[in-house]
Amino acid sequence: MTVHVDFDDELPENGPTNEYWEGKCALCQQPIKARYWMLMGKKMHGNVHEKCADKYEAERRGQKTEVVQIPERFRDWDPDKFPDKQAFSQAQAFDPDSKYKTLAILGDPGKGKSRLMWQVIRQFFEIWAEQRRQSRWVEYFLFSDLATEYDQSKIIKVKTAQFVFLDDLTELPPGRTRAQIQEVVRYRVQSAKWTFLTIDKDAFDEDLLTNVFRERAVKIKVK
């Protein structure tokens, strides 16, 4: 159910509105009231309580068998052999004190974007643990897995997790799956949630790269 609240200003193009959605939390099934956000002309809202999302994250951290580790093929890597030294240096500067909370590494397939990103992520969480005395890790999603089989539970995780790495974003034909993934990425960037992205094709969402990322993301091109 949507609850309308009277206000004088027009709806913003991007940002929170004075309109709320009421329904059930996707995790605990209890009533929830969530504010609508306008994102690129579309209204979106959260569908889980913050405390439920925090509890979910805490439970995952406590279950060692479910902790996502760096994929084996990316664990052993010699940074000195990475050919694009400028991109490497720019990426290494991304840390918990960064002004923006989204890091996007772009480039053609086979340029080492995923290897570079895992190096950044490993360093990021080492710094996080040292500064905050907290052990955290990233939720990892391979774009091809999200695109080939629609799974609402995965979409919820992508939307609500504190840290997310979406790997190998590329072009998709128009349809529900493409729209869902595009919207959840936009939501994370607009909401300033820690997000790591590797992007193979600008055509995944050209407006995202051109407009949504502006003053919201660190964008690095690997040559």
C-alpha atoms as a PDB file:
ATOM      1  CA  MET A   1       0.000   0.000   0.000  1.00  0.00           C
ATOM      2  CA  THR A   2       1.238   3.481  -0.808  1.00  0.00           C
ATOM      3  CA  VAL A   3       0.665   6.251   1.735  1.00  0.00           C
ATOM      4  CA  HIS A   4       0.495   9.753   0.261  1.00  0.00           C
ATOM      5  CA  VAL A   5       1.690  12.675   2.383  1.00  0.00           C
ATOM      6  CA  ASP A   6       0.845  16.249   1.424  1.00  0.00           C
ATOM      7  CA  PHE A   7       3.823  18.482   0.690  1.00  0.00           C
ATOM      8  CA  ASP A   8       4.398  21.705  -1.179  1.00  0.00           C
ATOM      9  CA  ASP A   9       7.414  20.867  -3.316  1.00  0.00           C
ATOM     10  CA  GLU A  10       7.306  18.840  -6.521  1.00  0.00           C
ATOM     11  CA  LEU A  11       8.765  15.343  -6.544  1.00  0.00           C
ATOM     12  CA  PRO A  12      12.556  15.484  -6.916  1.00  0.00           C
ATOM     13  CA  GLU A  13      14.173  13.916  -9.952  1.00  0.00           C
ATOM     14  CA  ASN A  14      16.550  12.058  -7.644  1.00  0.00           C
ATOM     15  CA  GLY A  15      16.317  11.703  -3.890  1.00  0.00           C
ATOM     16  CA  PRO A  16      13.838  11.006  -1.085  1.00  0.00           C
ATOM     17  CA  THR A  17      10.167  11.901  -1.395  1.00  0.00           C
ATOM     18  CA  ASN A  18       7.422  12.456   1.171  1.00  0.00           C
ATOM     19  CA  GLU A  19       5.642   9.329  -0.005  1.00  0.00           C
ATOM     20  CA  TYR A  20       5.800   5.965   1.758  1.00  0.00           C
ATOM     21  CA  TRP A  21       5.192   2.326   0.915  1.00  0.00           C
ATOM     22  CA  GLU A  22       3.638   0.002   3.486  1.00  0.00           C
ATOM     23  CA  GLY A  23       3.903  -3.769   3.259  1.00  0.00           C
ATOM     24  CA  LYS A  24       5.781  -6.722   4.767  1.00  0.00           C
ATOM     25  CA  CYS A  25       9.533  -7.018   5.311  1.00  0.00           C
ATOM     26  CA  ALA A  26      11.015  -9.502   2.815  1.00  0.00           C
ATOM     27  CA  LEU A  27      13.105 -11.061   5.603  1.00  0.00           C
ATOM     28  CA  CYS A  28      10.909 -11.131   8.743  1.00  0.00           C
ATOM     29  CA  GLN A  29       7.467 -10.761   7.102  1.00  0.00           C
ATOM     30  CA  GLN A  30       6.483  -8.113   9.666  1.00  0.00           C
ATOM     31  CA  PRO A  31       4.898  -4.756   8.693  1.00  0.00           C
ATOM     32  CA  ILE A  32       7.270  -2.166   7.253  1.00  0.00           C
ATOM     33  CA  LYS A  33       6.923   1.462   6.194  1.00  0.00           C
ATOM     34  CA  ALA A  34       9.561   2.605   3.709  1.00  0.00           C
ATOM     35  CA  ARG A  35      10.146   5.983   2.101  1.00  0.00           C
ATOM     36  CA  TYR A  36      10.025   6.197  -1.687  1.00  0.00           C
ATOM     37  CA  TRP A  37      13.127   7.470  -3.490  1.00  0.00           C
ATOM     38  CA  MET A  38      13.064   8.959  -6.957  1.00  0.00           C
ATOM     39  CA  LEU A  39      15.860   7.505  -9.093  1.00  0.00           C
ATOM     40  CA  MET A  40      16.105   8.696 -12.683  1.00  0.00           C
ATOM     41  CA  GLY A  41      12.363   9.348 -12.866  1.00  0.00           C
ATOM     42  CA  LYS A  42      11.368   6.068 -11.168  1.00  0.00           C
ATOM     43  CA  LYS A  43      10.047   5.574  -7.635  1.00  0.00           C
ATOM     44  CA  MET A  44      11.823   2.906  -5.571  1.00  0.00           C
ATOM     45  CA  HIS A  45      11.598   1.839  -1.954  1.00  0.00           C
ATOM     46  CA  GLY A  46      13.329  -0.529   0.419  1.00  0.00           C
ATOM     47  CA  ASN A  47      11.532  -3.712   1.453  1.00  0.00           C
ATOM     48  CA  VAL A  48      13.442  -4.872   4.539  1.00  0.00           C
ATOM     49  CA  HIS A  49      13.935  -3.364   7.995  1.00  0.00           C
ATOM     50  CA  GLU A  50      17.435  -2.032   8.647  1.00  0.00           C
ATOM     51  CA  LYS A  51      17.651  -4.186  11.788  1.00  0.00           C
ATOM     52  CA  CYS A  52      16.708  -7.255   9.727  1.00  0.00           C
ATOM     53  CA  ALA A  53      19.382  -6.467   7.144  1.00  0.00           C
ATOM     54  CA  ASP A  54      21.959  -5.971   9.931  1.00  0.00           C
ATOM     55  CA  LYS A  55      20.917  -9.256  11.585  1.00  0.00           C
ATOM     56  CA  TYR A  56      21.158 -11.046   8.253  1.00  0.00           C
ATOM     57  CA  GLU A  57      24.667  -9.687   7.708  1.00  0.00           C
ATOM     58  CA  ALA A  58      25.731 -10.641  11.263  1.00  0.00           C
ATOM     59  CA  GLU A  59      24.420 -14.184  10.822  1.00  0.00           C
ATOM     60  CA  ARG A  60      26.294 -14.585   7.549  1.00  0.00           C
ATOM     61  CA  ARG A  61      29.520 -13.387   9.161  1.00  0.00           C
ATOM     62  CA  GLY A  62      29.031 -15.936  11.931  1.00  0.00           C
ATOM     63  CA  GLN A  63      28.597 -18.857   9.554  1.00  0.00           C
ATOM     64  CA  LYS A  64      32.108 -19.611   8.339  1.00  0.00           C
ATOM     65  CA  THR A  65      30.894 -22.041   5.702  1.00  0.00           C
ATOM     66  CA  GLU A  66      28.961 -19.243   3.985  1.00  0.00           C
ATOM     67  CA  VAL A  67      31.652 -16.564   4.007  1.00  0.00           C
ATOM     68  CA  VAL A  68      32.451 -15.620   0.426  1.00  0.00           C
ATOM     69  CA  GLN A  69      36.167 -15.939  -0.219  1.00  0.00           C
ATOM     70  CA  ILE A  70      38.185 -14.650  -3.140  1.00  0.00           C
ATOM     71  CA  PRO A  71      37.704 -17.056  -6.070  1.00  0.00           C
ATOM     72  CA  GLU A  72      40.731 -19.316  -6.368  1.00  0.00           C
ATOM     73  CA  ARG A  73      41.769 -18.050  -9.792  1.00  0.00           C
ATOM     74  CA  PHE A  74      42.146 -14.520  -8.350  1.00  0.00           C
ATOM     75  CA  ARG A  75      43.991 -15.329  -5.117  1.00  0.00           C
ATOM     76  CA  ASP A  76      47.542 -15.489  -6.433  1.00  0.00           C
ATOM     77  CA  TRP A  77      48.383 -12.394  -8.415  1.00  0.00           C
ATOM     78  CA  ASP A  78      51.495 -10.308  -8.866  1.00  0.00           C
ATOM     79  CA  PRO A  79      50.420  -6.624  -8.884  1.00  0.00           C
ATOM     80  CA  ASP A  80      53.777  -5.650 -10.402  1.00  0.00           C
ATOM     81  CA  LYS A  81      52.758  -7.418 -13.608  1.00  0.00           C
ATOM     82  CA  PHE A  82      49.560  -5.386 -14.079  1.00  0.00           C
ATOM     83  CA  PRO A  83      50.210  -3.430 -17.315  1.00  0.00           C
ATOM     84  CA  ASP A  84      48.087  -0.306 -16.692  1.00  0.00           C
ATOM     85  CA  LYS A  85      50.048   1.317 -13.871  1.00  0.00           C
ATOM     86  CA  GLN A  86      47.888   4.441 -13.790  1.00  0.00           C
ATOM     87  CA  ALA A  87      44.637   2.478 -13.378  1.00  0.00           C
ATOM     88  CA  PHE A  88      46.301   0.325 -10.722  1.00  0.00           C
ATOM     89  CA  SER A  89      47.418   3.374  -8.763  1.00  0.00           C
ATOM     90  CA  GLN A  90      43.980   4.994  -8.979  1.00  0.00           C
ATOM     91  CA  ALA A  91      42.221   1.823  -7.853  1.00  0.00           C
ATOM     92  CA  GLN A  92      44.590   1.286  -4.908  1.00  0.00           C
ATOM     93  CA  ALA A  93      43.632   4.725  -3.584  1.00  0.00           C
ATOM     94  CA  PHE A  94      40.038   3.559  -2.955  1.00  0.00           C
ATOM     95  CA  ASP A  95      39.625   2.848   0.758  1.00  0.00           C
ATOM     96  CA  PRO A  96      37.125   3.237   3.658  1.00  0.00           C
ATOM     97  CA  ASP A  97      37.915   6.964   3.801  1.00  0.00           C
ATOM     98  CA  SER A  98      37.085   7.570   0.135  1.00  0.00           C
ATOM     99  CA  LYS A  99      34.715  10.435  -0.646  1.00  0.00           C
ATOM    100  CA  TYR A 100      32.509   8.208  -2.802  1.00  0.00           C
ATOM    101  CA  LYS A 101      31.284   4.724  -1.892  1.00  0.00           C
ATOM    102  CA  THR A 102      31.196   3.231  -5.379  1.00  0.00           C
ATOM    103  CA  LEU A 103      34.253   2.032  -7.277  1.00  0.00           C
ATOM    104  CA  ALA A 104      33.689   1.118 -10.936  1.00  0.00           C
ATOM    105  CA  ILE A 105      36.490  -0.409 -13.008  1.00  0.00           C
ATOM    106  CA  LEU A 106      35.736  -0.392 -16.734  1.00  0.00           C
ATOM    107  CA  GLY A 107      37.478  -2.005 -19.679  1.00  0.00           C
ATOM    108  CA  ASP A 108      37.308  -4.695 -22.335  1.00  0.00           C
ATOM    109  CA  PRO A 109      37.143  -8.362 -21.289  1.00  0.00           C
ATOM    110  CA  GLY A 110      40.537  -9.846 -20.435  1.00  0.00           C
ATOM    111  CA  LYS A 111      42.105  -6.611 -19.169  1.00  0.00           C
ATOM    112  CA  GLY A 112      42.402  -7.837 -15.575  1.00  0.00           C
ATOM    113  CA  LYS A 113      39.568  -5.796 -14.071  1.00  0.00           C
ATOM    114  CA  SER A 114      38.381  -8.551 -11.724  1.00  0.00           C
ATOM    115  CA  ARG A 115      41.905  -9.340 -10.515  1.00  0.00           C
ATOM    116  CA  LEU A 116      42.509  -5.668  -9.830  1.00  0.00           C
ATOM    117  CA  MET A 117      39.195  -5.309  -8.009  1.00  0.00           C
ATOM    118  CA  TRP A 118      39.882  -8.293  -5.726  1.00  0.00           C
ATOM    119  CA  GLN A 119      43.233  -6.729  -4.873  1.00  0.00           C
ATOM    120  CA  VAL A 120      41.453  -3.489  -3.972  1.00  0.00           C
ATOM    121  CA  ILE A 121      38.804  -5.345  -1.944  1.00  0.00           C
ATOM    122  CA  ARG A 122      41.399  -7.303   0.019  1.00  0.00           C
ATOM    123  CA  GLN A 123      43.237  -4.090   0.875  1.00  0.00           C
ATOM    124  CA  PHE A 124      39.961  -2.236   1.603  1.00  0.00           C
ATOM    125  CA  PHE A 125      38.857  -4.711   4.277  1.00  0.00           C
ATOM    126  CA  GLU A 126      42.298  -4.956   5.820  1.00  0.00           C
ATOM    127  CA  ILE A 127      42.159  -1.188   6.347  1.00  0.00           C
ATOM    128  CA  TRP A 128      38.546  -1.418   7.536  1.00  0.00           C
ATOM    129  CA  ALA A 129      39.442  -4.028  10.168  1.00  0.00           C
ATOM    130  CA  GLU A 130      42.458  -2.043  11.345  1.00  0.00           C
ATOM    131  CA  GLN A 131      40.598   1.270  11.618  1.00  0.00           C
ATOM    132  CA  ARG A 132      37.290   0.056  13.032  1.00  0.00           C
ATOM    133  CA  ARG A 133      38.261  -3.181  14.791  1.00  0.00           C
ATOM    134  CA  GLN A 134      35.511  -4.881  12.789  1.00  0.00           C
ATOM    135  CA  SER A 135      35.749  -7.885  10.492  1.00  0.00           C
ATOM    136  CA  ARG A 136      33.678  -7.391   7.347  1.00  0.00           C
ATOM    137  CA  TRP A 137      33.575  -8.886   3.863  1.00  0.00           C
ATOM    138  CA  VAL A 138      31.856  -8.317   0.545  1.00  0.00           C
ATOM    139  CA  GLU A 139      28.873 -10.105  -1.003  1.00  0.00           C
ATOM    140  CA  TYR A 140      30.052 -11.294  -4.432  1.00  0.00           C
ATOM    141  CA  PHE A 141      27.772 -11.682  -7.462  1.00  0.00           C
ATOM    142  CA  LEU A 142      28.840 -12.642 -10.978  1.00  0.00           C
ATOM    143  CA  PHE A 143      26.681 -10.769 -13.470  1.00  0.00           C
ATOM    144  CA  SER A 144      26.150 -13.816 -15.688  1.00  0.00           C
ATOM    145  CA  ASP A 145      24.631 -15.694 -12.728  1.00  0.00           C
ATOM    146  CA  LEU A 146      22.199 -12.874 -11.985  1.00  0.00           C
ATOM    147  CA  ALA A 147      21.289 -12.475 -15.655  1.00  0.00           C
ATOM    148  CA  THR A 148      20.706 -16.115 -16.585  1.00  0.00           C
ATOM    149  CA  GLU A 149      18.270 -16.994 -13.809  1.00  0.00           C
ATOM    150  CA  TYR A 150      16.046 -14.436 -12.098  1.00  0.00           C
ATOM    151  CA  ASP A 151      16.245 -14.928  -8.326  1.00  0.00           C
ATOM    152  CA  GLN A 152      14.414 -12.422  -6.123  1.00  0.00           C
ATOM    153  CA  SER A 153      16.382 -13.461  -3.029  1.00  0.00           C
ATOM    154  CA  LYS A 154      19.656 -12.571  -4.769  1.00  0.00           C
ATOM    155  CA  ILE A 155      18.253  -9.226  -5.875  1.00  0.00           C
ATOM    156  CA  ILE A 156      17.293  -8.520  -2.241  1.00  0.00           C
ATOM    157  CA  LYS A 157      20.838  -9.377  -1.121  1.00  0.00           C
ATOM    158  CA  VAL A 158      22.335  -7.115  -3.786  1.00  0.00           C
ATOM    159  CA  LYS A 159      20.052  -4.302  -2.641  1.00  0.00           C
ATOM    160  CA  THR A 160      20.453  -4.627   1.127  1.00  0.00           C
ATOM    161  CA  ALA A 161      23.989  -5.906   1.774  1.00  0.00           C
ATOM    162  CA  GLN A 162      26.422  -3.467   3.358  1.00  0.00           C
ATOM    163  CA  PHE A 163      29.150  -4.314   0.819  1.00  0.00           C
ATOM    164  CA  VAL A 164      28.558  -5.717  -2.683  1.00  0.00           C
ATOM    165  CA  PHE A 165      30.846  -6.664  -5.572  1.00  0.00           C
ATOM    166  CA  LEU A 166      29.083  -7.071  -8.937  1.00  0.00           C
ATOM    167  CA  ASP A 167      31.505  -8.573 -11.422  1.00  0.00           C
ATOM    168  CA  ASP A 168      31.562  -8.394 -15.239  1.00  0.00           C
ATOM    169  CA  LEU A 169      28.526  -6.205 -15.920  1.00  0.00           C
ATOM    170  CA  THR A 170      27.830  -6.249 -19.630  1.00  0.00           C
ATOM    171  CA  GLU A 171      25.123  -5.581 -22.196  1.00  0.00           C
ATOM    172  CA  LEU A 172      21.784  -7.381 -21.914  1.00  0.00           C
ATOM    173  CA  PRO A 173      18.751  -7.304 -24.214  1.00  0.00           C
ATOM    174  CA  PRO A 174      15.863  -5.201 -22.896  1.00  0.00           C
ATOM    175  CA  GLY A 175      13.652  -7.009 -20.421  1.00  0.00           C
ATOM    176  CA  ARG A 176      12.739  -7.529 -16.773  1.00  0.00           C
ATOM    177  CA  THR A 177      16.111  -8.957 -15.718  1.00  0.00           C
ATOM    178  CA  ARG A 178      18.095  -6.100 -17.232  1.00  0.00           C
ATOM    179  CA  ALA A 179      15.785  -3.511 -15.671  1.00  0.00           C
ATOM    180  CA  GLN A 180      15.951  -5.169 -12.237  1.00  0.00           C
ATOM    181  CA  ILE A 181      19.759  -5.287 -12.201  1.00  0.00           C
ATOM    182  CA  GLN A 182      20.104  -1.748 -13.545  1.00  0.00           C
ATOM    183  CA  GLU A 183      17.696  -0.377 -10.946  1.00  0.00           C
ATOM    184  CA  VAL A 184      19.353  -2.135  -8.007  1.00  0.00           C
ATOM    185  CA  VAL A 185      22.783  -0.837  -9.093  1.00  0.00           C
ATOM    186  CA  ARG A 186      21.373   2.680  -9.401  1.00  0.00           C
ATOM    187  CA  TYR A 187      19.768   2.348  -5.968  1.00  0.00           C
ATOM    188  CA  ARG A 188      23.058   1.381  -4.334  1.00  0.00           C
ATOM    189  CA  VAL A 189      24.966   4.217  -6.004  1.00  0.00           C
ATOM    190  CA  GLN A 190      22.276   6.806  -5.251  1.00  0.00           C
ATOM    191  CA  SER A 191      21.969   5.608  -1.634  1.00  0.00           C
ATOM    192  CA  ALA A 192      25.751   5.713  -1.097  1.00  0.00           C
ATOM    193  CA  LYS A 193      26.140   2.022  -0.215  1.00  0.00           C
ATOM    194  CA  TRP A 194      29.599   0.472  -0.542  1.00  0.00           C
ATOM    195  CA  THR A 195      29.602  -0.978  -4.057  1.00  0.00           C
ATOM    196  CA  PHE A 196      32.367  -2.470  -6.216  1.00  0.00           C
ATOM    197  CA  LEU A 197      31.673  -2.888  -9.948  1.00  0.00           C
ATOM    198  CA  THR A 198      33.577  -4.237 -12.922  1.00  0.00           C
ATOM    199  CA  ILE A 199      31.980  -3.294 -16.238  1.00  0.00           C
ATOM    200  CA  ASP A 200      32.796  -4.907 -19.587  1.00  0.00           C
ATOM    201  CA  LYS A 201      30.419  -2.913 -21.760  1.00  0.00           C
ATOM    202  CA  ASP A 202      29.243   0.698 -21.398  1.00  0.00           C
ATOM    203  CA  ALA A 203      26.012  -0.477 -23.024  1.00  0.00           C
ATOM    204  CA  PHE A 204      25.061  -2.193 -19.744  1.00  0.00           C
ATOM    205  CA  ASP A 205      23.651   1.207 -18.776  1.00  0.00           C
ATOM    206  CA  GLU A 206      25.149   4.231 -20.520  1.00  0.00           C
ATOM    207  CA  ASP A 207      23.068   6.682 -18.484  1.00  0.00           C
ATOM    208  CA  LEU A 208      24.384   5.093 -15.284  1.00  0.00           C
ATOM    209  CA  LEU A 209      27.975   5.723 -16.345  1.00  0.00           C
ATOM    210  CA  THR A 210      27.341   9.198 -17.696  1.00  0.00           C
ATOM    211  CA  ASN A 211      24.905  10.699 -15.200  1.00  0.00           C
ATOM    212  CA  VAL A 212      24.325   8.549 -12.104  1.00  0.00           C
ATOM    213  CA  PHE A 213      28.048   8.073 -11.457  1.00  0.00           C
ATOM    214  CA  ARG A 214      28.673  11.816 -11.644  1.00  0.00           C
ATOM    215  CA  GLU A 215      29.841  12.993  -8.188  1.00  0.00           C
ATOM    216  CA  ARG A 216      28.847   9.612  -6.734  1.00  0.00           C
ATOM    217  CA  ALA A 217      31.446   7.110  -7.942  1.00  0.00           C
ATOM    218  CA  VAL A 218      35.130   6.617  -8.608  1.00  0.00           C
ATOM    219  CA  LYS A 219      35.312   5.502 -12.254  1.00  0.00           C
ATOM    220  CA  ILE A 220      38.522   3.968 -13.607  1.00  0.00           C
ATOM    221  CA  LYS A 221      39.193   2.844 -17.165  1.00  0.00           C
ATOM    222  CA  VAL A 222      41.673  -0.002 -17.685  1.00  0.00           C
ATOM    223  CA  LYS A 223      43.478   0.207 -21.029  1.00  0.00           C
END
